[in-house]
Amino acid sequence: MSAKGTAESSLVKQPYTKHQYTSDTFNDFEQCCDRTDGPLFFMENYMMLQHPIRGAIKFKPYPYQVELIKSYACNRYSINLLGRQMGKCLTEKINIVIRNKRGEVYDIPIGIFHEYEAAKRDGTKKPDISPYKRSE
C-alpha cells in the first residue's frame, strides 16, 4: 500500500528482480517487438486507462489513433498537426441534433450536417434533411 499522494507501485517490477517467463508471455514479448504492429499490440493488451467509475480499463484506440500509432512505428520522422476540438474522435455514425425556427427537431448525420452548413454559408442548394425529422 502506498502513502497518500504517491503512485501505486505494486504492479511495477522492481529493479534487479528475477522473473520467470512462460511461453505465453515470451510470445507476447515477441509480438511487442514487431517493428510495425508491436506498439499497437502492446498498447491494446498491456496499457490500462483509469476510468472514474469502471476503474482500470484496457486501452481501445480510436481509428485515427491506430493510424497515428502505425505512422509513428513505420516512419522515423512524423509530423502531425492535431489541434484540440477538431473532431478527431467523430465518426460518420454520429448524429447532430438541430432545431429550426418552427421548433422542428432533426437528427442529422454529421456528414449531411456539414453539407447543410456549407450550403447555408455559400448560398447554394441545401441537402434534403426531411428524412431525418424526429417524430414526436
C-alpha atoms as a PDB file:
ATOM      1  CA  MET A   1       0.000   0.000   0.000  1.00  0.00           C
ATOM      2  CA  SER A   2       1.392   3.376  -0.943  1.00  0.00           C
ATOM      3  CA  ALA A   3       1.205   6.534   1.129  1.00  0.00           C
ATOM      4  CA  LYS A   4      -1.426   9.129   0.279  1.00  0.00           C
ATOM      5  CA  GLY A   5      -0.337  11.267  -2.649  1.00  0.00           C
ATOM      6  CA  THR A   6       2.211   8.768  -4.014  1.00  0.00           C
ATOM      7  CA  ALA A   7       1.881   6.494  -7.000  1.00  0.00           C
ATOM      8  CA  GLU A   8       0.879   2.870  -6.504  1.00  0.00           C
ATOM      9  CA  SER A   9       3.942   0.845  -7.487  1.00  0.00           C
ATOM     10  CA  SER A  10       2.906  -2.708  -6.563  1.00  0.00           C
ATOM     11  CA  LEU A  11       2.287  -3.516 -10.254  1.00  0.00           C
ATOM     12  CA  VAL A  12       5.669  -2.175 -11.357  1.00  0.00           C
ATOM     13  CA  LYS A  13       8.546  -4.642 -11.452  1.00  0.00           C
ATOM     14  CA  GLN A  14      11.287  -3.516  -9.098  1.00  0.00           C
ATOM     15  CA  PRO A  15      14.848  -3.213 -10.446  1.00  0.00           C
ATOM     16  CA  TYR A  16      17.060  -6.333 -10.492  1.00  0.00           C
ATOM     17  CA  THR A  17      14.257  -8.725  -9.565  1.00  0.00           C
ATOM     18  CA  LYS A  18      14.259 -12.074 -11.329  1.00  0.00           C
ATOM     19  CA  HIS A  19      11.192 -13.063 -13.299  1.00  0.00           C
ATOM     20  CA  GLN A  20      10.263 -16.372 -14.906  1.00  0.00           C
ATOM     21  CA  TYR A  21       8.714 -16.044 -18.360  1.00  0.00           C
ATOM     22  CA  THR A  22       6.177 -18.577 -19.609  1.00  0.00           C
ATOM     23  CA  SER A  23       5.878 -19.465 -23.273  1.00  0.00           C
ATOM     24  CA  ASP A  24       2.769 -17.256 -23.496  1.00  0.00           C
ATOM     25  CA  THR A  25       4.498 -14.201 -22.056  1.00  0.00           C
ATOM     26  CA  PHE A  26       7.511 -14.822 -24.299  1.00  0.00           C
ATOM     27  CA  ASN A  27       5.236 -14.992 -27.367  1.00  0.00           C
ATOM     28  CA  ASP A  28       3.582 -11.740 -26.286  1.00  0.00           C
ATOM     29  CA  PHE A  29       7.021 -10.194 -25.852  1.00  0.00           C
ATOM     30  CA  GLU A  30       7.953 -11.248 -29.403  1.00  0.00           C
ATOM     31  CA  GLN A  31       4.740  -9.681 -30.746  1.00  0.00           C
ATOM     32  CA  CYS A  32       5.515  -6.459 -28.851  1.00  0.00           C
ATOM     33  CA  CYS A  33       8.941  -6.378 -30.552  1.00  0.00           C
ATOM     34  CA  ASP A  34       7.442  -6.437 -34.065  1.00  0.00           C
ATOM     35  CA  ARG A  35       8.503  -3.229 -35.854  1.00  0.00           C
ATOM     36  CA  THR A  36       5.145  -2.364 -37.414  1.00  0.00           C
ATOM     37  CA  ASP A  37       2.414  -3.909 -35.246  1.00  0.00           C
ATOM     38  CA  GLY A  38       4.299  -4.214 -31.941  1.00  0.00           C
ATOM     39  CA  PRO A  39       3.484  -0.802 -30.437  1.00  0.00           C
ATOM     40  CA  LEU A  40      -0.232  -1.182 -31.167  1.00  0.00           C
ATOM     41  CA  PHE A  41      -0.230  -4.756 -29.799  1.00  0.00           C
ATOM     42  CA  PHE A  42       1.460  -3.574 -26.595  1.00  0.00           C
ATOM     43  CA  MET A  43      -0.959  -0.663 -26.131  1.00  0.00           C
ATOM     44  CA  GLU A  44      -4.095  -2.728 -26.727  1.00  0.00           C
ATOM     45  CA  ASN A  45      -3.013  -5.594 -24.461  1.00  0.00           C
ATOM     46  CA  TYR A  46      -0.967  -4.030 -21.686  1.00  0.00           C
ATOM     47  CA  MET A  47      -1.878  -0.350 -21.336  1.00  0.00           C
ATOM     48  CA  MET A  48      -4.703   0.497 -18.968  1.00  0.00           C
ATOM     49  CA  LEU A  49      -6.706   3.690 -18.583  1.00  0.00           C
ATOM     50  CA  GLN A  50      -8.143   4.797 -15.261  1.00  0.00           C
ATOM     51  CA  HIS A  51     -11.888   5.373 -15.588  1.00  0.00           C
ATOM     52  CA  PRO A  52     -13.580   7.276 -12.731  1.00  0.00           C
ATOM     53  CA  ILE A  53     -16.402   4.729 -12.403  1.00  0.00           C
ATOM     54  CA  ARG A  54     -15.257   1.488 -14.074  1.00  0.00           C
ATOM     55  CA  GLY A  55     -11.704   1.601 -12.718  1.00  0.00           C
ATOM     56  CA  ALA A  56      -8.839   0.300 -14.847  1.00  0.00           C
ATOM     57  CA  ILE A  57      -9.924  -0.489 -18.419  1.00  0.00           C
ATOM     58  CA  LYS A  58      -7.910  -1.644 -21.429  1.00  0.00           C
ATOM     59  CA  PHE A  59      -6.839   0.973 -23.951  1.00  0.00           C
ATOM     60  CA  LYS A  60      -9.063   0.783 -27.054  1.00  0.00           C
ATOM     61  CA  PRO A  61      -7.730   3.306 -29.602  1.00  0.00           C
ATOM     62  CA  TYR A  62      -9.936   5.232 -31.989  1.00  0.00           C
ATOM     63  CA  PRO A  63      -9.323   4.647 -35.723  1.00  0.00           C
ATOM     64  CA  TYR A  64      -7.351   7.892 -36.033  1.00  0.00           C
ATOM     65  CA  GLN A  65      -5.152   6.794 -33.095  1.00  0.00           C
ATOM     66  CA  VAL A  66      -4.450   3.436 -34.772  1.00  0.00           C
ATOM     67  CA  GLU A  67      -3.410   5.296 -37.921  1.00  0.00           C
ATOM     68  CA  LEU A  68      -1.113   7.587 -35.916  1.00  0.00           C
ATOM     69  CA  ILE A  69       0.486   4.700 -33.995  1.00  0.00           C
ATOM     70  CA  LYS A  70       1.203   2.822 -37.224  1.00  0.00           C
ATOM     71  CA  SER A  71       2.569   6.003 -38.790  1.00  0.00           C
ATOM     72  CA  TYR A  72       4.911   6.531 -35.835  1.00  0.00           C
ATOM     73  CA  ALA A  73       6.038   2.891 -35.920  1.00  0.00           C
ATOM     74  CA  CYS A  74       6.741   2.821 -39.668  1.00  0.00           C
ATOM     75  CA  ASN A  75       8.215   6.297 -40.141  1.00  0.00           C
ATOM     76  CA  ARG A  76      11.155   7.636 -38.229  1.00  0.00           C
ATOM     77  CA  TYR A  77      10.154  11.249 -38.768  1.00  0.00           C
ATOM     78  CA  SER A  78       6.471  12.087 -38.311  1.00  0.00           C
ATOM     79  CA  ILE A  79       4.822  15.470 -38.007  1.00  0.00           C
ATOM     80  CA  ASN A  80       1.161  15.723 -37.110  1.00  0.00           C
ATOM     81  CA  LEU A  81      -0.877  18.866 -36.836  1.00  0.00           C
ATOM     82  CA  LEU A  82      -3.549  17.761 -34.396  1.00  0.00           C
ATOM     83  CA  GLY A  83      -5.292  20.647 -32.725  1.00  0.00           C
ATOM     84  CA  ARG A  84      -7.802  20.283 -29.946  1.00  0.00           C
ATOM     85  CA  GLN A  85     -11.532  20.133 -30.661  1.00  0.00           C
ATOM     86  CA  MET A  86     -11.140  19.399 -34.366  1.00  0.00           C
ATOM     87  CA  GLY A  87     -13.467  16.391 -34.341  1.00  0.00           C
ATOM     88  CA  LYS A  88     -10.793  13.685 -34.414  1.00  0.00           C
ATOM     89  CA  CYS A  89     -12.993  11.311 -32.465  1.00  0.00           C
ATOM     90  CA  LEU A  90     -16.082  11.861 -34.612  1.00  0.00           C
ATOM     91  CA  THR A  91     -17.291   9.143 -36.960  1.00  0.00           C
ATOM     92  CA  GLU A  92     -19.937   9.087 -39.686  1.00  0.00           C
ATOM     93  CA  LYS A  93     -22.319   7.331 -37.253  1.00  0.00           C
ATOM     94  CA  ILE A  94     -22.678  10.409 -35.041  1.00  0.00           C
ATOM     95  CA  ASN A  95     -25.873  12.434 -35.372  1.00  0.00           C
ATOM     96  CA  ILE A  96     -26.175  16.161 -34.760  1.00  0.00           C
ATOM     97  CA  VAL A  97     -29.454  17.361 -33.241  1.00  0.00           C
ATOM     98  CA  ILE A  98     -30.725  20.669 -34.615  1.00  0.00           C
ATOM     99  CA  ARG A  99     -33.957  22.636 -34.190  1.00  0.00           C
ATOM    100  CA  ASN A 100     -35.271  25.037 -36.827  1.00  0.00           C
ATOM    101  CA  LYS A 101     -37.190  28.269 -36.245  1.00  0.00           C
ATOM    102  CA  ARG A 102     -40.522  26.394 -36.310  1.00  0.00           C
ATOM    103  CA  GLY A 103     -39.361  24.163 -33.438  1.00  0.00           C
ATOM    104  CA  GLU A 104     -38.932  21.014 -35.556  1.00  0.00           C
ATOM    105  CA  VAL A 105     -36.126  18.728 -34.349  1.00  0.00           C
ATOM    106  CA  TYR A 106     -33.828  16.822 -36.721  1.00  0.00           C
ATOM    107  CA  ASP A 107     -31.268  14.066 -36.038  1.00  0.00           C
ATOM    108  CA  ILE A 108     -28.874  14.653 -38.930  1.00  0.00           C
ATOM    109  CA  PRO A 109     -25.757  12.521 -39.644  1.00  0.00           C
ATOM    110  CA  ILE A 110     -22.643  14.621 -39.194  1.00  0.00           C
ATOM    111  CA  GLY A 111     -21.654  14.466 -42.886  1.00  0.00           C
ATOM    112  CA  ILE A 112     -25.009  15.807 -44.049  1.00  0.00           C
ATOM    113  CA  PHE A 113     -24.907  18.424 -41.288  1.00  0.00           C
ATOM    114  CA  HIS A 114     -21.597  19.739 -42.668  1.00  0.00           C
ATOM    115  CA  GLU A 115     -23.048  19.780 -46.214  1.00  0.00           C
ATOM    116  CA  TYR A 116     -26.105  21.639 -44.896  1.00  0.00           C
ATOM    117  CA  GLU A 117     -23.994  24.239 -43.061  1.00  0.00           C
ATOM    118  CA  ALA A 118     -21.695  24.728 -46.094  1.00  0.00           C
ATOM    119  CA  ALA A 119     -24.718  25.254 -48.382  1.00  0.00           C
ATOM    120  CA  LYS A 120     -26.196  27.721 -45.906  1.00  0.00           C
ATOM    121  CA  ARG A 121     -22.887  29.611 -45.781  1.00  0.00           C
ATOM    122  CA  ASP A 122     -22.272  29.560 -49.551  1.00  0.00           C
ATOM    123  CA  GLY A 123     -25.881  30.279 -50.569  1.00  0.00           C
ATOM    124  CA  THR A 124     -26.148  27.055 -52.613  1.00  0.00           C
ATOM    125  CA  LYS A 125     -28.933  24.455 -52.547  1.00  0.00           C
ATOM    126  CA  LYS A 126     -29.213  22.761 -49.153  1.00  0.00           C
ATOM    127  CA  PRO A 127     -29.469  18.962 -48.942  1.00  0.00           C
ATOM    128  CA  ASP A 128     -32.871  17.497 -48.092  1.00  0.00           C
ATOM    129  CA  ILE A 129     -32.994  16.838 -44.351  1.00  0.00           C
ATOM    130  CA  SER A 130     -36.682  15.903 -44.151  1.00  0.00           C
ATOM    131  CA  PRO A 131     -35.967  12.152 -43.760  1.00  0.00           C
ATOM    132  CA  TYR A 132     -34.121  12.973 -40.536  1.00  0.00           C
ATOM    133  CA  LYS A 133     -37.009  14.812 -38.871  1.00  0.00           C
ATOM    134  CA  ARG A 134     -37.650  13.472 -35.384  1.00  0.00           C
ATOM    135  CA  SER A 135     -41.174  12.136 -34.957  1.00  0.00           C
ATOM    136  CA  GLU A 136     -42.638  13.325 -31.680  1.00  0.00           C
END
